Amino acid sequence: MIVSEQDLVIEIRDLSLPRLHKWIRLGWVKPERREGAAFFQEVDIARVRMLNDLEQALDFDDETVPLVLSLLDQIHGLRRELRNLAHAVEEQPDAVRDRIRTAYARLSET
């Protein structure tokens, strides 16, 4: 689903166009641009919802939000890396996967 900024403001309660433009200007949200208009994909919409919650419900300020966003982006990046690693391990022969499982169990005990 892709929505325009006007539709996004209608969809998300308490979101104003000036606040959305501020987040875009600060680089906290990076919509797709078509003929000068901003369009938001599902991942962007989720980020806008989160930003709205951080500012409205949790009262985070403009200095705290970038830190939270950075930490969340790092977590998502690590999850992607772990998922890729798990897929790479799945492609290995049974004997290699067993050695990896054994080594992981040993390392997890410490």
N, C-alpha and C. Protein backbone atom coordinates (compact mmCIF):
# COMPACT_ATOMS: atom_id res chain seq x y z
N MET A 1 0.85 -1.18 0.00
CA MET A 1 0.00 0.00 0.00
C MET A 1 0.89 1.24 0.00
N ILE A 2 0.60 2.15 -0.88
CA ILE A 2 1.32 3.42 -0.96
C ILE A 2 0.30 4.54 -0.82
N VAL A 3 0.62 5.51 0.07
CA VAL A 3 -0.33 6.61 0.31
C VAL A 3 0.38 7.95 0.15
N SER A 4 -0.40 8.95 -0.17
CA SER A 4 0.10 10.32 -0.27
C SER A 4 0.23 10.90 1.13
N GLU A 5 0.90 12.03 1.22
CA GLU A 5 1.05 12.66 2.53
C GLU A 5 -0.30 13.14 3.06
N GLN A 6 -1.18 13.59 2.19
CA GLN A 6 -2.51 14.03 2.64
C GLN A 6 -3.29 12.85 3.22
N ASP A 7 -3.24 11.70 2.54
CA ASP A 7 -3.93 10.51 3.04
C ASP A 7 -3.33 10.03 4.34
N LEU A 8 -2.01 10.15 4.47
CA LEU A 8 -1.34 9.72 5.70
C LEU A 8 -1.77 10.58 6.88
N VAL A 9 -1.86 11.89 6.66
CA VAL A 9 -2.29 12.80 7.73
C VAL A 9 -3.73 12.50 8.15
N ILE A 10 -4.57 12.12 7.19
CA ILE A 10 -5.95 11.76 7.51
C ILE A 10 -5.99 10.45 8.29
N GLU A 11 -5.13 9.50 7.89
CA GLU A 11 -5.13 8.17 8.48
C GLU A 11 -4.60 8.15 9.92
N ILE A 12 -3.60 8.97 10.21
CA ILE A 12 -2.97 8.95 11.54
C ILE A 12 -3.48 10.11 12.37
N ARG A 13 -4.19 9.75 13.41
CA ARG A 13 -4.76 10.76 14.31
C ARG A 13 -3.65 11.59 14.95
N ASP A 14 -3.87 12.83 15.12
CA ASP A 14 -2.94 13.78 15.75
C ASP A 14 -1.71 14.10 14.90
N LEU A 15 -1.67 13.65 13.67
CA LEU A 15 -0.54 13.98 12.80
C LEU A 15 -0.92 15.19 11.95
N SER A 16 -0.04 16.17 11.95
CA SER A 16 -0.28 17.35 11.12
C SER A 16 0.72 17.35 9.96
N LEU A 17 0.36 18.03 8.90
CA LEU A 17 1.24 18.15 7.75
C LEU A 17 2.56 18.84 8.10
N PRO A 18 2.53 19.92 8.91
CA PRO A 18 3.81 20.55 9.29
C PRO A 18 4.73 19.59 10.07
N ARG A 19 4.17 18.78 10.97
CA ARG A 19 5.01 17.81 11.71
C ARG A 19 5.59 16.78 10.77
N LEU A 20 4.78 16.28 9.84
CA LEU A 20 5.26 15.31 8.87
C LEU A 20 6.37 15.92 8.02
N HIS A 21 6.20 17.15 7.58
CA HIS A 21 7.22 17.83 6.79
C HIS A 21 8.50 18.02 7.60
N LYS A 22 8.37 18.30 8.88
CA LYS A 22 9.55 18.44 9.75
C LYS A 22 10.32 17.13 9.79
N TRP A 23 9.61 16.01 9.96
CA TRP A 23 10.27 14.70 10.04
C TRP A 23 10.97 14.37 8.72
N ILE A 24 10.36 14.74 7.61
CA ILE A 24 10.97 14.51 6.31
C ILE A 24 12.22 15.38 6.18
N ARG A 25 12.11 16.65 6.56
CA ARG A 25 13.24 17.58 6.49
C ARG A 25 14.41 17.11 7.34
N LEU A 26 14.10 16.54 8.52
CA LEU A 26 15.15 16.04 9.41
C LEU A 26 15.70 14.68 8.98
N GLY A 27 15.07 14.07 7.97
CA GLY A 27 15.53 12.77 7.49
C GLY A 27 15.05 11.59 8.31
N TRP A 28 14.10 11.83 9.20
CA TRP A 28 13.57 10.75 10.04
C TRP A 28 12.64 9.84 9.24
N VAL A 29 12.04 10.40 8.20
CA VAL A 29 11.18 9.65 7.29
C VAL A 29 11.64 10.01 5.88
N LYS A 30 11.76 9.00 5.02
CA LYS A 30 12.26 9.24 3.67
C LYS A 30 11.27 8.68 2.65
N PRO A 31 10.24 9.47 2.35
CA PRO A 31 9.23 9.00 1.40
C PRO A 31 9.78 8.94 -0.03
N GLU A 32 9.06 8.22 -0.82
CA GLU A 32 9.35 8.16 -2.25
C GLU A 32 8.84 9.46 -2.87
N ARG A 33 9.57 10.00 -3.82
CA ARG A 33 9.15 11.25 -4.48
C ARG A 33 8.74 10.96 -5.91
N ARG A 34 7.57 11.49 -6.27
CA ARG A 34 7.08 11.39 -7.65
C ARG A 34 6.52 12.74 -8.05
N GLU A 35 7.12 13.33 -9.04
CA GLU A 35 6.68 14.63 -9.55
C GLU A 35 6.52 15.65 -8.43
N GLY A 36 7.47 15.63 -7.50
CA GLY A 36 7.48 16.59 -6.41
C GLY A 36 6.60 16.25 -5.23
N ALA A 37 5.80 15.19 -5.34
CA ALA A 37 4.91 14.80 -4.24
C ALA A 37 5.52 13.63 -3.47
N ALA A 38 5.24 13.58 -2.18
CA ALA A 38 5.74 12.52 -1.32
C ALA A 38 4.73 11.39 -1.23
N PHE A 39 5.23 10.16 -1.35
CA PHE A 39 4.40 8.97 -1.20
C PHE A 39 5.06 8.03 -0.22
N PHE A 40 4.25 7.40 0.60
CA PHE A 40 4.74 6.59 1.71
C PHE A 40 4.36 5.13 1.54
N GLN A 41 5.36 4.26 1.64
CA GLN A 41 5.12 2.82 1.61
C GLN A 41 4.83 2.35 3.03
N GLU A 42 4.47 1.08 3.16
CA GLU A 42 4.07 0.55 4.47
C GLU A 42 5.14 0.75 5.53
N VAL A 43 6.40 0.55 5.18
CA VAL A 43 7.48 0.72 6.16
C VAL A 43 7.55 2.19 6.61
N ASP A 44 7.32 3.12 5.68
CA ASP A 44 7.32 4.55 6.03
C ASP A 44 6.14 4.88 6.94
N ILE A 45 5.00 4.29 6.63
CA ILE A 45 3.79 4.53 7.44
C ILE A 45 4.02 4.04 8.86
N ALA A 46 4.63 2.87 9.00
CA ALA A 46 4.93 2.34 10.34
C ALA A 46 5.88 3.27 11.08
N ARG A 47 6.87 3.80 10.38
CA ARG A 47 7.83 4.72 11.01
C ARG A 47 7.13 6.01 11.44
N VAL A 48 6.24 6.52 10.60
CA VAL A 48 5.50 7.74 10.94
C VAL A 48 4.62 7.48 12.16
N ARG A 49 3.97 6.33 12.21
CA ARG A 49 3.16 5.99 13.40
C ARG A 49 4.03 5.96 14.66
N MET A 50 5.21 5.36 14.54
CA MET A 50 6.11 5.28 15.68
C MET A 50 6.56 6.68 16.10
N LEU A 51 6.93 7.51 15.13
CA LEU A 51 7.34 8.87 15.46
C LEU A 51 6.21 9.63 16.14
N ASN A 52 5.02 9.45 15.64
CA ASN A 52 3.86 10.11 16.23
C ASN A 52 3.69 9.66 17.69
N ASP A 53 3.82 8.36 17.92
CA ASP A 53 3.70 7.85 19.30
C ASP A 53 4.82 8.37 20.19
N LEU A 54 6.04 8.40 19.67
CA LEU A 54 7.16 8.90 20.47
C LEU A 54 6.93 10.34 20.90
N GLU A 55 6.45 11.16 19.98
CA GLU A 55 6.25 12.57 20.30
C GLU A 55 4.96 12.82 21.08
N GLN A 56 3.87 12.19 20.67
CA GLN A 56 2.57 12.47 21.28
C GLN A 56 2.37 11.72 22.60
N ALA A 57 2.49 10.40 22.55
CA ALA A 57 2.18 9.59 23.72
C ALA A 57 3.32 9.58 24.74
N LEU A 58 4.55 9.56 24.25
CA LEU A 58 5.69 9.44 25.17
C LEU A 58 6.40 10.77 25.42
N ASP A 59 6.00 11.81 24.70
CA ASP A 59 6.53 13.16 24.90
C ASP A 59 8.05 13.24 24.72
N PHE A 60 8.59 12.50 23.73
CA PHE A 60 10.02 12.59 23.43
C PHE A 60 10.27 13.90 22.69
N ASP A 61 11.42 14.49 22.93
CA ASP A 61 11.74 15.76 22.27
C ASP A 61 12.61 15.51 21.03
N ASP A 62 12.91 16.58 20.31
CA ASP A 62 13.66 16.48 19.05
C ASP A 62 15.10 16.01 19.25
N GLU A 63 15.61 16.07 20.46
CA GLU A 63 16.96 15.58 20.73
C GLU A 63 16.96 14.09 21.04
N THR A 64 15.89 13.58 21.61
CA THR A 64 15.80 12.17 22.00
C THR A 64 15.39 11.28 20.84
N VAL A 65 14.52 11.77 19.99
CA VAL A 65 13.99 10.96 18.89
C VAL A 65 15.10 10.40 17.99
N PRO A 66 16.10 11.20 17.56
CA PRO A 66 17.15 10.63 16.70
C PRO A 66 17.90 9.48 17.36
N LEU A 67 18.10 9.57 18.66
CA LEU A 67 18.78 8.49 19.38
C LEU A 67 17.94 7.22 19.34
N VAL A 68 16.65 7.35 19.62
CA VAL A 68 15.74 6.20 19.58
C VAL A 68 15.69 5.61 18.18
N LEU A 69 15.57 6.47 17.17
CA LEU A 69 15.54 5.99 15.79
C LEU A 69 16.82 5.25 15.42
N SER A 70 17.95 5.79 15.83
CA SER A 70 19.23 5.14 15.55
C SER A 70 19.31 3.75 16.19
N LEU A 71 18.89 3.65 17.44
CA LEU A 71 18.91 2.36 18.12
C LEU A 71 17.96 1.37 17.46
N LEU A 72 16.77 1.82 17.10
CA LEU A 72 15.81 0.94 16.43
C LEU A 72 16.32 0.51 15.05
N ASP A 73 16.95 1.42 14.32
CA ASP A 73 17.51 1.06 13.02
C ASP A 73 18.62 0.03 13.18
N GLN A 74 19.43 0.18 14.22
CA GLN A 74 20.49 -0.80 14.48
C GLN A 74 19.89 -2.17 14.81
N ILE A 75 18.85 -2.19 15.61
CA ILE A 75 18.19 -3.45 15.95
C ILE A 75 17.65 -4.13 14.69
N HIS A 76 16.99 -3.36 13.83
CA HIS A 76 16.46 -3.93 12.60
C HIS A 76 17.58 -4.44 11.70
N GLY A 77 18.69 -3.71 11.64
CA GLY A 77 19.83 -4.15 10.85
C GLY A 77 20.42 -5.45 11.39
N LEU A 78 20.52 -5.55 12.70
CA LEU A 78 21.03 -6.78 13.30
C LEU A 78 20.10 -7.96 13.06
N ARG A 79 18.80 -7.72 13.13
CA ARG A 79 17.83 -8.78 12.84
C ARG A 79 17.98 -9.27 11.41
N ARG A 80 18.18 -8.35 10.49
CA ARG A 80 18.37 -8.72 9.08
C ARG A 80 19.64 -9.55 8.92
N GLU A 81 20.72 -9.14 9.58
CA GLU A 81 21.98 -9.89 9.51
C GLU A 81 21.82 -11.29 10.11
N LEU A 82 21.14 -11.40 11.24
CA LEU A 82 20.92 -12.72 11.85
C LEU A 82 20.07 -13.61 10.95
N ARG A 83 19.06 -13.04 10.33
CA ARG A 83 18.22 -13.79 9.40
C ARG A 83 19.04 -14.31 8.23
N ASN A 84 19.93 -13.47 7.69
CA ASN A 84 20.80 -13.88 6.58
C ASN A 84 21.77 -14.98 7.03
N LEU A 85 22.30 -14.82 8.23
CA LEU A 85 23.21 -15.84 8.77
C LEU A 85 22.48 -17.17 8.95
N ALA A 86 21.26 -17.12 9.46
CA ALA A 86 20.48 -18.34 9.66
C ALA A 86 20.21 -19.03 8.32
N HIS A 87 19.92 -18.25 7.29
CA HIS A 87 19.70 -18.83 5.96
C HIS A 87 20.99 -19.46 5.42
N ALA A 88 22.11 -18.79 5.66
CA ALA A 88 23.40 -19.34 5.20
C ALA A 88 23.70 -20.66 5.93
N VAL A 89 23.41 -20.73 7.22
CA VAL A 89 23.63 -21.95 7.98
C VAL A 89 22.72 -23.07 7.48
N GLU A 90 21.47 -22.73 7.17
CA GLU A 90 20.51 -23.72 6.66
C GLU A 90 20.98 -24.36 5.36
N GLU A 91 21.77 -23.63 4.57
CA GLU A 91 22.25 -24.14 3.29
C GLU A 91 23.42 -25.10 3.44
N GLN A 92 23.98 -25.19 4.63
CA GLN A 92 25.15 -26.03 4.85
C GLN A 92 24.76 -27.50 5.01
N PRO A 93 25.73 -28.39 4.76
CA PRO A 93 25.46 -29.82 4.97
C PRO A 93 25.14 -30.10 6.44
N ASP A 94 24.47 -31.22 6.69
CA ASP A 94 24.05 -31.58 8.05
C ASP A 94 25.21 -31.56 9.04
N ALA A 95 26.36 -32.10 8.64
CA ALA A 95 27.51 -32.17 9.56
C ALA A 95 27.96 -30.77 9.98
N VAL A 96 27.97 -29.84 9.05
CA VAL A 96 28.38 -28.46 9.37
C VAL A 96 27.34 -27.82 10.28
N ARG A 97 26.07 -28.00 9.97
CA ARG A 97 25.02 -27.44 10.83
C ARG A 97 25.11 -28.00 12.24
N ASP A 98 25.40 -29.30 12.37
CA ASP A 98 25.55 -29.90 13.70
C ASP A 98 26.72 -29.29 14.46
N ARG A 99 27.84 -29.06 13.77
CA ARG A 99 28.99 -28.43 14.44
C ARG A 99 28.65 -27.01 14.86
N ILE A 100 27.94 -26.30 14.03
CA ILE A 100 27.54 -24.93 14.38
C ILE A 100 26.61 -24.96 15.59
N ARG A 101 25.64 -25.87 15.59
CA ARG A 101 24.72 -26.00 16.73
C ARG A 101 25.47 -26.29 18.01
N THR A 102 26.43 -27.21 17.96
CA THR A 102 27.22 -27.57 19.13
C THR A 102 28.05 -26.38 19.61
N ALA A 103 28.67 -25.69 18.68
CA ALA A 103 29.49 -24.52 19.07
C ALA A 103 28.61 -23.43 19.65
N TYR A 104 27.45 -23.22 19.07
CA TYR A 104 26.53 -22.19 19.58
C TYR A 104 26.08 -22.54 21.00
N ALA A 105 25.73 -23.80 21.23
CA ALA A 105 25.28 -24.22 22.57
C ALA A 105 26.40 -24.01 23.58
N ARG A 106 27.64 -24.35 23.20
CA ARG A 106 28.78 -24.17 24.08
C ARG A 106 29.00 -22.70 24.40
N LEU A 107 28.93 -21.86 23.39
CA LEU A 107 29.14 -20.42 23.60
C LEU A 107 27.99 -19.79 24.39
N SER A 108 26.80 -20.32 24.26
CA SER A 108 25.64 -19.78 24.97
C SER A 108 25.70 -20.07 26.46
N GLU A 109 26.44 -21.08 26.83
CA GLU A 109 26.55 -21.45 28.25
C GLU A 109 27.42 -20.49 29.03
N THR A 110 28.28 -19.74 28.36
CA THR A 110 29.19 -18.83 29.07
C THR A 110 28.57 -17.50 29.32
